[in-house]
């Protein structure tokens, strides 16, 4: 078992030939008593749901509130027929993240990674990486186990709850997990994966949770898109050999401190930020009445 990023990196490197995924599988066996095949079968189900949520999320239908829907389809059309300024890989990840969160807003089935509000980042990065890196099914599952290992440390030492730590705890954690898994999937080391996680969290520190009308739609959907794009940049930086000046575990500790210091208005209460703008309040009245 590991409790810090440092322990995770050391154990994966020394005991599992650099595989964070194998470390996580071993840990899961210890914690749950399930055998390897049972663990893989459960993760395959998660993978199936993630892929389906990307595909189903490309619909142009609006959510019940009318706040979201159709943006993934718009971005998909732009990628295919427009003149994108950004790299297609990054844009595809952003599109897929929007798709998953729009599907969630329409009451579709998603895989909470680590929460429903941040469910778009990991599936978006993974499905894009499948195309970019030609990942086999086993490599796709290892991607998810790797993300889970890093996410476990963040959850235990900081937070993955918007109500507890702001959106840095939700989209920030999801993007960081994705960046770490992507780094290893692309051939990086466990240490480089930890650095990718650092880059994302440091960039997300202080991100508030301010859902308009209290719904997981605005600004959540687009934050997932940005989080997915950050994962690719962070992974590339780590693979280039760039290192964080602040150790990974100290970055996670800082995330906890910042989240704990946020006023309650910025922790999923819809009492601050975008939720209390004139337009945000108008949407709330239109959806729920006076």
C-alpha atoms as a PDB file:
ATOM      1  CA  UNK A   1       0.000   0.000   0.000  1.00  0.00           C
ATOM      2  CA  UNK A   2       1.147   3.556  -0.679  1.00  0.00           C
ATOM      3  CA  UNK A   3       0.055   6.770   1.006  1.00  0.00           C
ATOM      4  CA  UNK A   4       2.093   9.433  -0.804  1.00  0.00           C
ATOM      5  CA  UNK A   5       3.182  10.161  -4.357  1.00  0.00           C
ATOM      6  CA  UNK A   6       6.766   9.501  -3.286  1.00  0.00           C
ATOM      7  CA  UNK A   7       5.838   6.030  -2.020  1.00  0.00           C
ATOM      8  CA  UNK A   8       3.818   5.362  -5.160  1.00  0.00           C
ATOM      9  CA  UNK A   9       6.748   6.211  -7.423  1.00  0.00           C
ATOM     10  CA  UNK A  10       9.259   4.280  -5.322  1.00  0.00           C
ATOM     11  CA  UNK A  11       7.143   1.121  -5.036  1.00  0.00           C
ATOM     12  CA  UNK A  12       6.200   1.120  -8.716  1.00  0.00           C
ATOM     13  CA  UNK A  13       9.832   1.593  -9.709  1.00  0.00           C
ATOM     14  CA  UNK A  14      11.405  -0.911  -7.326  1.00  0.00           C
ATOM     15  CA  UNK A  15       8.758  -3.605  -7.028  1.00  0.00           C
ATOM     16  CA  UNK A  16       6.733  -3.468 -10.251  1.00  0.00           C
ATOM     17  CA  UNK A  17       9.278  -2.631 -12.947  1.00  0.00           C
ATOM     18  CA  UNK A  18       8.016   0.939 -13.190  1.00  0.00           C
ATOM     19  CA  UNK A  19       4.346  -0.012 -13.625  1.00  0.00           C
ATOM     20  CA  UNK A  20       2.013   2.109 -11.525  1.00  0.00           C
ATOM     21  CA  UNK A  21      -0.885   0.082 -12.941  1.00  0.00           C
ATOM     22  CA  UNK A  22       0.512  -3.192 -11.570  1.00  0.00           C
ATOM     23  CA  UNK A  23       1.082  -1.528  -8.206  1.00  0.00           C
ATOM     24  CA  UNK A  24      -2.547  -0.395  -8.186  1.00  0.00           C
ATOM     25  CA  UNK A  25      -3.823  -3.847  -9.156  1.00  0.00           C
ATOM     26  CA  UNK A  26      -1.777  -5.359  -6.334  1.00  0.00           C
ATOM     27  CA  UNK A  27      -3.113  -2.749  -3.909  1.00  0.00           C
ATOM     28  CA  UNK A  28      -6.690  -3.355  -5.028  1.00  0.00           C
ATOM     29  CA  UNK A  29      -6.242  -7.080  -4.442  1.00  0.00           C
ATOM     30  CA  UNK A  30      -4.981  -6.401  -0.929  1.00  0.00           C
ATOM     31  CA  UNK A  31      -7.753  -3.960  -0.066  1.00  0.00           C
ATOM     32  CA  UNK A  32     -10.737  -5.810  -1.558  1.00  0.00           C
ATOM     33  CA  UNK A  33      -9.738  -9.462  -1.597  1.00  0.00           C
ATOM     34  CA  UNK A  34     -10.755  -9.725  -5.249  1.00  0.00           C
ATOM     35  CA  UNK A  35      -8.580 -11.659  -7.658  1.00  0.00           C
ATOM     36  CA  UNK A  36      -6.907 -10.151 -10.706  1.00  0.00           C
ATOM     37  CA  UNK A  37      -9.590 -11.237 -13.174  1.00  0.00           C
ATOM     38  CA  UNK A  38     -12.399  -9.798 -11.045  1.00  0.00           C
ATOM     39  CA  UNK A  39     -10.563  -6.484 -10.771  1.00  0.00           C
ATOM     40  CA  UNK A  40      -9.975  -6.350 -14.521  1.00  0.00           C
ATOM     41  CA  UNK A  41     -13.599  -7.189 -15.247  1.00  0.00           C
ATOM     42  CA  UNK A  42     -14.808  -4.315 -13.091  1.00  0.00           C
ATOM     43  CA  UNK A  43     -12.397  -1.938 -14.797  1.00  0.00           C
ATOM     44  CA  UNK A  44     -13.523  -3.141 -18.227  1.00  0.00           C
ATOM     45  CA  UNK A  45     -17.042  -2.111 -17.284  1.00  0.00           C
ATOM     46  CA  UNK A  46     -15.788   1.364 -16.362  1.00  0.00           C
ATOM     47  CA  UNK A  47     -13.981   1.544 -19.693  1.00  0.00           C
ATOM     48  CA  UNK A  48     -17.140   0.568 -21.584  1.00  0.00           C
ATOM     49  CA  UNK A  49     -19.181   3.256 -19.839  1.00  0.00           C
ATOM     50  CA  UNK A  50     -16.531   5.897 -20.538  1.00  0.00           C
ATOM     51  CA  UNK A  51     -16.375   5.125 -24.241  1.00  0.00           C
ATOM     52  CA  UNK A  52     -20.153   5.036 -24.542  1.00  0.00           C
ATOM     53  CA  UNK A  53     -20.540   8.380 -22.754  1.00  0.00           C
ATOM     54  CA  UNK A  54     -18.207  10.018 -25.274  1.00  0.00           C
ATOM     55  CA  UNK A  55     -20.159   8.668 -28.226  1.00  0.00           C
ATOM     56  CA  UNK A  56     -23.614   9.378 -26.793  1.00  0.00           C
ATOM     57  CA  UNK A  57     -22.560  12.850 -25.700  1.00  0.00           C
ATOM     58  CA  UNK A  58     -22.104  14.027 -29.295  1.00  0.00           C
ATOM     59  CA  UNK A  59     -25.875  14.600 -29.481  1.00  0.00           C
ATOM     60  CA  UNK A  60     -27.252  18.065 -30.242  1.00  0.00           C
ATOM     61  CA  UNK A  61     -30.038  17.657 -27.660  1.00  0.00           C
ATOM     62  CA  UNK A  62     -30.229  20.064 -24.739  1.00  0.00           C
ATOM     63  CA  UNK A  63     -30.227  19.098 -21.084  1.00  0.00           C
ATOM     64  CA  UNK A  64     -33.488  19.302 -19.151  1.00  0.00           C
ATOM     65  CA  UNK A  65     -32.503  22.706 -17.779  1.00  0.00           C
ATOM     66  CA  UNK A  66     -31.576  23.967 -21.236  1.00  0.00           C
ATOM     67  CA  UNK A  67     -28.241  25.252 -19.939  1.00  0.00           C
ATOM     68  CA  UNK A  68     -26.085  22.802 -21.851  1.00  0.00           C
ATOM     69  CA  UNK A  69     -26.115  20.487 -24.837  1.00  0.00           C
ATOM     70  CA  UNK A  70     -24.891  20.506 -28.416  1.00  0.00           C
ATOM     71  CA  UNK A  71     -21.472  22.040 -27.805  1.00  0.00           C
ATOM     72  CA  UNK A  72     -19.604  18.767 -28.318  1.00  0.00           C
ATOM     73  CA  UNK A  73     -21.323  18.443 -31.690  1.00  0.00           C
ATOM     74  CA  UNK A  74     -20.348  22.020 -32.561  1.00  0.00           C
ATOM     75  CA  UNK A  75     -16.712  21.424 -31.699  1.00  0.00           C
ATOM     76  CA  UNK A  76     -16.737  18.150 -33.602  1.00  0.00           C
ATOM     77  CA  UNK A  77     -18.006  19.935 -36.715  1.00  0.00           C
ATOM     78  CA  UNK A  78     -15.385  22.648 -36.262  1.00  0.00           C
ATOM     79  CA  UNK A  79     -12.615  20.056 -36.027  1.00  0.00           C
ATOM     80  CA  UNK A  80     -13.798  18.391 -39.217  1.00  0.00           C
ATOM     81  CA  UNK A  81     -14.728  21.420 -41.297  1.00  0.00           C
ATOM     82  CA  UNK A  82     -13.170  24.509 -39.727  1.00  0.00           C
ATOM     83  CA  UNK A  83      -9.641  25.827 -39.544  1.00  0.00           C
ATOM     84  CA  UNK A  84      -8.606  24.953 -35.973  1.00  0.00           C
ATOM     85  CA  UNK A  85      -5.882  26.981 -34.327  1.00  0.00           C
ATOM     86  CA  UNK A  86      -5.099  24.321 -31.751  1.00  0.00           C
ATOM     87  CA  UNK A  87      -3.592  20.872 -32.189  1.00  0.00           C
ATOM     88  CA  UNK A  88      -6.240  18.334 -33.250  1.00  0.00           C
ATOM     89  CA  UNK A  89      -5.299  15.972 -30.434  1.00  0.00           C
ATOM     90  CA  UNK A  90      -5.931  18.616 -27.783  1.00  0.00           C
ATOM     91  CA  UNK A  91      -9.134  19.761 -29.478  1.00  0.00           C
ATOM     92  CA  UNK A  92     -10.376  16.180 -29.698  1.00  0.00           C
ATOM     93  CA  UNK A  93      -9.808  15.746 -25.976  1.00  0.00           C
ATOM     94  CA  UNK A  94     -11.724  18.964 -25.277  1.00  0.00           C
ATOM     95  CA  UNK A  95     -14.584  17.779 -27.510  1.00  0.00           C
ATOM     96  CA  UNK A  96     -14.765  14.400 -25.818  1.00  0.00           C
ATOM     97  CA  UNK A  97     -14.767  15.968 -22.363  1.00  0.00           C
ATOM     98  CA  UNK A  98     -17.665  18.230 -23.303  1.00  0.00           C
ATOM     99  CA  UNK A  99     -19.498  15.217 -24.718  1.00  0.00           C
ATOM    100  CA  UNK A 100     -19.240  13.244 -21.490  1.00  0.00           C
ATOM    101  CA  UNK A 101     -20.374  16.102 -19.290  1.00  0.00           C
ATOM    102  CA  UNK A 102     -23.238  17.022 -21.585  1.00  0.00           C
ATOM    103  CA  UNK A 103     -24.288  13.367 -21.469  1.00  0.00           C
ATOM    104  CA  UNK A 104     -24.144  13.551 -17.674  1.00  0.00           C
ATOM    105  CA  UNK A 105     -26.285  16.706 -17.670  1.00  0.00           C
ATOM    106  CA  UNK A 106     -28.909  14.787 -19.676  1.00  0.00           C
ATOM    107  CA  UNK A 107     -29.008  12.109 -16.966  1.00  0.00           C
ATOM    108  CA  UNK A 108     -26.901   9.723 -19.024  1.00  0.00           C
ATOM    109  CA  UNK A 109     -24.661   7.107 -17.458  1.00  0.00           C
ATOM    110  CA  UNK A 110     -21.090   8.258 -16.791  1.00  0.00           C
ATOM    111  CA  UNK A 111     -18.175   6.919 -14.787  1.00  0.00           C
ATOM    112  CA  UNK A 112     -17.343   9.265 -11.900  1.00  0.00           C
ATOM    113  CA  UNK A 113     -13.617   9.920 -12.269  1.00  0.00           C
ATOM    114  CA  UNK A 114     -13.281  10.991  -9.566  1.00  0.00           C
ATOM    115  CA  UNK A 115     -16.727  12.678  -9.464  1.00  0.00           C
ATOM    116  CA  UNK A 116     -19.659  13.054 -11.836  1.00  0.00           C
ATOM    117  CA  UNK A 117     -18.925  16.762 -12.184  1.00  0.00           C
ATOM    118  CA  UNK A 118     -15.401  15.986 -13.371  1.00  0.00           C
ATOM    119  CA  UNK A 119     -16.310  12.826 -15.284  1.00  0.00           C
ATOM    120  CA  UNK A 120     -15.270  14.214 -18.666  1.00  0.00           C
ATOM    121  CA  UNK A 121     -11.511  14.644 -18.211  1.00  0.00           C
ATOM    122  CA  UNK A 122     -10.287  11.071 -17.897  1.00  0.00           C
ATOM    123  CA  UNK A 123     -12.496   9.487 -20.602  1.00  0.00           C
ATOM    124  CA  UNK A 124     -11.619  12.359 -22.931  1.00  0.00           C
ATOM    125  CA  UNK A 125      -7.886  11.990 -22.442  1.00  0.00           C
ATOM    126  CA  UNK A 126      -8.045   8.210 -22.654  1.00  0.00           C
ATOM    127  CA  UNK A 127     -10.177   8.027 -25.809  1.00  0.00           C
ATOM    128  CA  UNK A 128      -7.951  10.588 -27.490  1.00  0.00           C
ATOM    129  CA  UNK A 129      -4.821   8.717 -26.369  1.00  0.00           C
ATOM    130  CA  UNK A 130      -6.234   5.498 -27.814  1.00  0.00           C
ATOM    131  CA  UNK A 131      -6.214   7.120 -31.241  1.00  0.00           C
ATOM    132  CA  UNK A 132      -2.930   8.961 -30.767  1.00  0.00           C
ATOM    133  CA  UNK A 133      -0.930   6.124 -29.188  1.00  0.00           C
ATOM    134  CA  UNK A 134      -2.837   3.117 -30.615  1.00  0.00           C
ATOM    135  CA  UNK A 135      -3.398   1.671 -27.154  1.00  0.00           C
ATOM    136  CA  UNK A 136      -4.446  -1.972 -26.833  1.00  0.00           C
ATOM    137  CA  UNK A 137      -7.285  -2.901 -24.463  1.00  0.00           C
ATOM    138  CA  UNK A 138      -4.771  -3.967 -21.825  1.00  0.00           C
ATOM    139  CA  UNK A 139      -2.960  -0.645 -22.161  1.00  0.00           C
ATOM    140  CA  UNK A 140      -6.286   1.185 -21.874  1.00  0.00           C
ATOM    141  CA  UNK A 141      -7.058  -0.675 -18.648  1.00  0.00           C
ATOM    142  CA  UNK A 142      -3.563   0.032 -17.336  1.00  0.00           C
ATOM    143  CA  UNK A 143      -4.209   3.714 -18.105  1.00  0.00           C
ATOM    144  CA  UNK A 144      -7.228   3.615 -15.805  1.00  0.00           C
ATOM    145  CA  UNK A 145      -5.423   1.738 -13.031  1.00  0.00           C
ATOM    146  CA  UNK A 146      -2.600   4.281 -13.209  1.00  0.00           C
ATOM    147  CA  UNK A 147      -5.006   7.195 -12.980  1.00  0.00           C
ATOM    148  CA  UNK A 148      -6.706   5.498 -10.048  1.00  0.00           C
ATOM    149  CA  UNK A 149      -3.443   5.126  -8.160  1.00  0.00           C
ATOM    150  CA  UNK A 150      -2.587   8.812  -8.399  1.00  0.00           C
ATOM    151  CA  UNK A 151      -6.188   9.759  -7.681  1.00  0.00           C
ATOM    152  CA  UNK A 152      -6.160   7.620  -4.550  1.00  0.00           C
ATOM    153  CA  UNK A 153      -3.259   9.619  -3.105  1.00  0.00           C
ATOM    154  CA  UNK A 154      -4.931  12.927  -3.933  1.00  0.00           C
ATOM    155  CA  UNK A 155      -8.220  11.796  -2.397  1.00  0.00           C
ATOM    156  CA  UNK A 156      -6.513  10.626   0.800  1.00  0.00           C
ATOM    157  CA  UNK A 157      -4.252  13.655   1.237  1.00  0.00           C
ATOM    158  CA  UNK A 158      -6.261  16.539  -0.239  1.00  0.00           C
ATOM    159  CA  UNK A 159      -9.796  16.196  -1.621  1.00  0.00           C
ATOM    160  CA  UNK A 160     -11.806  15.218  -4.690  1.00  0.00           C
ATOM    161  CA  UNK A 161     -14.941  16.992  -3.475  1.00  0.00           C
ATOM    162  CA  UNK A 162     -16.019  20.366  -4.811  1.00  0.00           C
ATOM    163  CA  UNK A 163     -17.990  20.967  -1.626  1.00  0.00           C
ATOM    164  CA  UNK A 164     -14.842  20.428   0.397  1.00  0.00           C
ATOM    165  CA  UNK A 165     -12.079  21.846  -1.776  1.00  0.00           C
ATOM    166  CA  UNK A 166     -13.569  23.742  -4.717  1.00  0.00           C
ATOM    167  CA  UNK A 167     -13.293  22.765  -8.366  1.00  0.00           C
ATOM    168  CA  UNK A 168      -9.530  22.346  -7.986  1.00  0.00           C
ATOM    169  CA  UNK A 169     -10.492  19.178  -6.088  1.00  0.00           C
ATOM    170  CA  UNK A 170     -12.754  17.903  -8.858  1.00  0.00           C
ATOM    171  CA  UNK A 171     -11.596  18.983 -12.319  1.00  0.00           C
ATOM    172  CA  UNK A 172      -8.123  19.639 -10.929  1.00  0.00           C
ATOM    173  CA  UNK A 173      -7.817  16.093  -9.591  1.00  0.00           C
ATOM    174  CA  UNK A 174      -9.354  14.573 -12.722  1.00  0.00           C
ATOM    175  CA  UNK A 175      -7.015  16.466 -15.019  1.00  0.00           C
ATOM    176  CA  UNK A 176      -3.999  15.601 -12.854  1.00  0.00           C
ATOM    177  CA  UNK A 177      -4.887  11.897 -12.791  1.00  0.00           C
ATOM    178  CA  UNK A 178      -5.292  11.986 -16.552  1.00  0.00           C
ATOM    179  CA  UNK A 179      -1.951  13.720 -17.079  1.00  0.00           C
ATOM    180  CA  UNK A 180      -0.135  11.157 -14.959  1.00  0.00           C
ATOM    181  CA  UNK A 181      -1.725   8.204 -16.747  1.00  0.00           C
ATOM    182  CA  UNK A 182      -1.095   9.769 -20.147  1.00  0.00           C
ATOM    183  CA  UNK A 183       2.580  10.260 -19.346  1.00  0.00           C
ATOM    184  CA  UNK A 184       3.070   6.585 -18.547  1.00  0.00           C
ATOM    185  CA  UNK A 185       0.981   5.480 -21.524  1.00  0.00           C
ATOM    186  CA  UNK A 186       3.307   7.497 -23.762  1.00  0.00           C
ATOM    187  CA  UNK A 187       6.376   5.728 -22.396  1.00  0.00           C
ATOM    188  CA  UNK A 188       7.287   7.982 -19.502  1.00  0.00           C
ATOM    189  CA  UNK A 189       8.415   6.915 -16.042  1.00  0.00           C
ATOM    190  CA  UNK A 190       6.474   6.878 -12.797  1.00  0.00           C
ATOM    191  CA  UNK A 191       8.461   9.904 -11.667  1.00  0.00           C
ATOM    192  CA  UNK A 192       7.648  11.809 -14.866  1.00  0.00           C
ATOM    193  CA  UNK A 193       3.982  10.942 -14.331  1.00  0.00           C
ATOM    194  CA  UNK A 194       4.200  12.483 -10.868  1.00  0.00           C
ATOM    195  CA  UNK A 195       5.606  15.651 -12.403  1.00  0.00           C
ATOM    196  CA  UNK A 196       2.748  15.878 -14.890  1.00  0.00           C
ATOM    197  CA  UNK A 197       0.361  15.644 -11.953  1.00  0.00           C
ATOM    198  CA  UNK A 198       2.261  18.495 -10.276  1.00  0.00           C
ATOM    199  CA  UNK A 199       1.977  20.773 -13.291  1.00  0.00           C
ATOM    200  CA  UNK A 200      -1.784  20.369 -13.491  1.00  0.00           C
ATOM    201  CA  UNK A 201      -2.487  20.842  -9.795  1.00  0.00           C
ATOM    202  CA  UNK A 202      -0.231  23.900  -9.574  1.00  0.00           C
ATOM    203  CA  UNK A 203      -2.141  25.417 -12.486  1.00  0.00           C
ATOM    204  CA  UNK A 204      -5.515  24.600 -10.922  1.00  0.00           C
ATOM    205  CA  UNK A 205      -4.815  25.796  -7.367  1.00  0.00           C
ATOM    206  CA  UNK A 206      -7.626  27.999  -6.107  1.00  0.00           C
ATOM    207  CA  UNK A 207     -10.157  27.042  -8.786  1.00  0.00           C
ATOM    208  CA  UNK A 208     -13.549  27.620  -7.195  1.00  0.00           C
ATOM    209  CA  UNK A 209     -16.726  25.550  -7.521  1.00  0.00           C
ATOM    210  CA  UNK A 210     -19.561  27.893  -8.508  1.00  0.00           C
ATOM    211  CA  UNK A 211     -22.297  25.925 -10.332  1.00  0.00           C
ATOM    212  CA  UNK A 212     -24.958  28.139 -11.887  1.00  0.00           C
ATOM    213  CA  UNK A 213     -28.375  27.288 -10.423  1.00  0.00           C
ATOM    214  CA  UNK A 214     -26.622  24.618  -8.385  1.00  0.00           C
ATOM    215  CA  UNK A 215     -26.483  22.325 -11.418  1.00  0.00           C
ATOM    216  CA  UNK A 216     -23.409  20.470 -12.642  1.00  0.00           C
ATOM    217  CA  UNK A 217     -23.527  22.172 -16.041  1.00  0.00           C
ATOM    218  CA  UNK A 218     -22.224  25.759 -16.099  1.00  0.00           C
ATOM    219  CA  UNK A 219     -19.267  26.210 -15.882  1.00  0.00           C
ATOM    220  CA  UNK A 220     -18.514  22.516 -15.197  1.00  0.00           C
ATOM    221  CA  UNK A 221     -18.819  21.239 -18.760  1.00  0.00           C
ATOM    222  CA  UNK A 222     -16.286  23.645 -20.219  1.00  0.00           C
ATOM    223  CA  UNK A 223     -13.956  23.295 -17.246  1.00  0.00           C
ATOM    224  CA  UNK A 224     -13.704  19.603 -18.062  1.00  0.00           C
ATOM    225  CA  UNK A 225     -12.725  20.511 -21.613  1.00  0.00           C
ATOM    226  CA  UNK A 226      -9.958  22.758 -20.355  1.00  0.00           C
ATOM    227  CA  UNK A 227      -8.859  20.144 -17.822  1.00  0.00           C
ATOM    228  CA  UNK A 228      -8.521  17.533 -20.574  1.00  0.00           C
ATOM    229  CA  UNK A 229      -6.399  19.898 -22.645  1.00  0.00           C
ATOM    230  CA  UNK A 230      -4.172  20.707 -19.649  1.00  0.00           C
ATOM    231  CA  UNK A 231      -3.451  16.987 -19.242  1.00  0.00           C
ATOM    232  CA  UNK A 232      -1.808  16.807 -22.669  1.00  0.00           C
ATOM    233  CA  UNK A 233       0.337  19.887 -22.106  1.00  0.00           C
ATOM    234  CA  UNK A 234       1.397  18.677 -18.666  1.00  0.00           C
ATOM    235  CA  UNK A 235       2.294  15.224 -20.002  1.00  0.00           C
ATOM    236  CA  UNK A 236       4.400  16.731 -22.784  1.00  0.00           C
ATOM    237  CA  UNK A 237       6.228  18.958 -20.307  1.00  0.00           C
ATOM    238  CA  UNK A 238       7.001  15.969 -18.088  1.00  0.00           C
ATOM    239  CA  UNK A 239       8.111  13.827 -21.028  1.00  0.00           C
ATOM    240  CA  UNK A 240      10.420  16.662 -22.092  1.00  0.00           C
ATOM    241  CA  UNK A 241      12.221  16.285 -18.774  1.00  0.00           C
ATOM    242  CA  UNK A 242      10.805  19.356 -17.059  1.00  0.00           C
ATOM    243  CA  UNK A 243      10.495  18.917 -13.290  1.00  0.00           C
ATOM    244  CA  UNK A 244       8.447  20.667 -10.644  1.00  0.00           C
ATOM    245  CA  UNK A 245      10.502  22.724  -8.197  1.00  0.00           C
ATOM    246  CA  UNK A 246       7.999  21.787  -5.490  1.00  0.00           C
ATOM    247  CA  UNK A 247       7.786  18.028  -4.707  1.00  0.00           C
ATOM    248  CA  UNK A 248       4.555  16.304  -5.689  1.00  0.00           C
ATOM    249  CA  UNK A 249       3.402  15.575  -2.155  1.00  0.00           C
ATOM    250  CA  UNK A 250       3.929  19.184  -1.133  1.00  0.00           C
ATOM    251  CA  UNK A 251       1.868  20.267  -4.132  1.00  0.00           C
ATOM    252  CA  UNK A 252      -0.949  17.957  -2.998  1.00  0.00           C
ATOM    253  CA  UNK A 253      -0.654  19.340   0.543  1.00  0.00           C
ATOM    254  CA  UNK A 254      -0.903  22.873  -0.838  1.00  0.00           C
ATOM    255  CA  UNK A 255      -4.036  21.865  -2.725  1.00  0.00           C
ATOM    256  CA  UNK A 256      -5.582  20.705   0.560  1.00  0.00           C
ATOM    257  CA  UNK A 257      -4.595  23.915   2.333  1.00  0.00           C
ATOM    258  CA  UNK A 258      -5.983  26.129  -0.428  1.00  0.00           C
ATOM    259  CA  UNK A 259      -9.214  24.137  -0.626  1.00  0.00           C
ATOM    260  CA  UNK A 260      -9.718  24.316   3.143  1.00  0.00           C
ATOM    261  CA  UNK A 261      -9.181  28.078   3.037  1.00  0.00           C
ATOM    262  CA  UNK A 262     -11.783  28.772   0.359  1.00  0.00           C
ATOM    263  CA  UNK A 263     -14.886  30.587   1.603  1.00  0.00           C
ATOM    264  CA  UNK A 264     -18.014  28.433   1.590  1.00  0.00           C
ATOM    265  CA  UNK A 265     -19.414  30.657  -1.169  1.00  0.00           C
ATOM    266  CA  UNK A 266     -16.834  29.120  -3.503  1.00  0.00           C
ATOM    267  CA  UNK A 267     -17.375  25.497  -2.519  1.00  0.00           C
ATOM    268  CA  UNK A 268     -20.320  24.166  -4.536  1.00  0.00           C
ATOM    269  CA  UNK A 269     -22.912  26.240  -2.693  1.00  0.00           C
ATOM    270  CA  UNK A 270     -23.866  28.360  -5.731  1.00  0.00           C
ATOM    271  CA  UNK A 271     -23.477  31.397  -3.463  1.00  0.00           C
ATOM    272  CA  UNK A 272     -20.545  33.012  -5.251  1.00  0.00           C
ATOM    273  CA  UNK A 273     -18.621  33.326  -8.485  1.00  0.00           C
ATOM    274  CA  UNK A 274     -20.487  32.750 -11.743  1.00  0.00           C
ATOM    275  CA  UNK A 275     -23.545  31.469  -9.898  1.00  0.00           C
ATOM    276  CA  UNK A 276     -24.255  34.909  -8.431  1.00  0.00           C
ATOM    277  CA  UNK A 277     -23.743  36.989 -11.560  1.00  0.00           C
ATOM    278  CA  UNK A 278     -26.922  38.704 -12.806  1.00  0.00           C
ATOM    279  CA  UNK A 279     -27.192  36.175 -15.623  1.00  0.00           C
ATOM    280  CA  UNK A 280     -26.468  33.267 -13.301  1.00  0.00           C
ATOM    281  CA  UNK A 281     -29.266  34.359 -10.967  1.00  0.00           C
ATOM    282  CA  UNK A 282     -31.608  34.823 -13.934  1.00  0.00           C
ATOM    283  CA  UNK A 283     -30.986  31.248 -15.074  1.00  0.00           C
ATOM    284  CA  UNK A 284     -31.728  29.982 -11.586  1.00  0.00           C
ATOM    285  CA  UNK A 285     -35.075  31.801 -11.521  1.00  0.00           C
ATOM    286  CA  UNK A 286     -35.985  30.573 -14.999  1.00  0.00           C
ATOM    287  CA  UNK A 287     -35.254  26.974 -14.050  1.00  0.00           C
ATOM    288  CA  UNK A 288     -36.551  26.823 -10.488  1.00  0.00           C
ATOM    289  CA  UNK A 289     -38.793  29.892 -10.186  1.00  0.00           C
ATOM    290  CA  UNK A 290     -38.709  32.493  -7.451  1.00  0.00           C
END
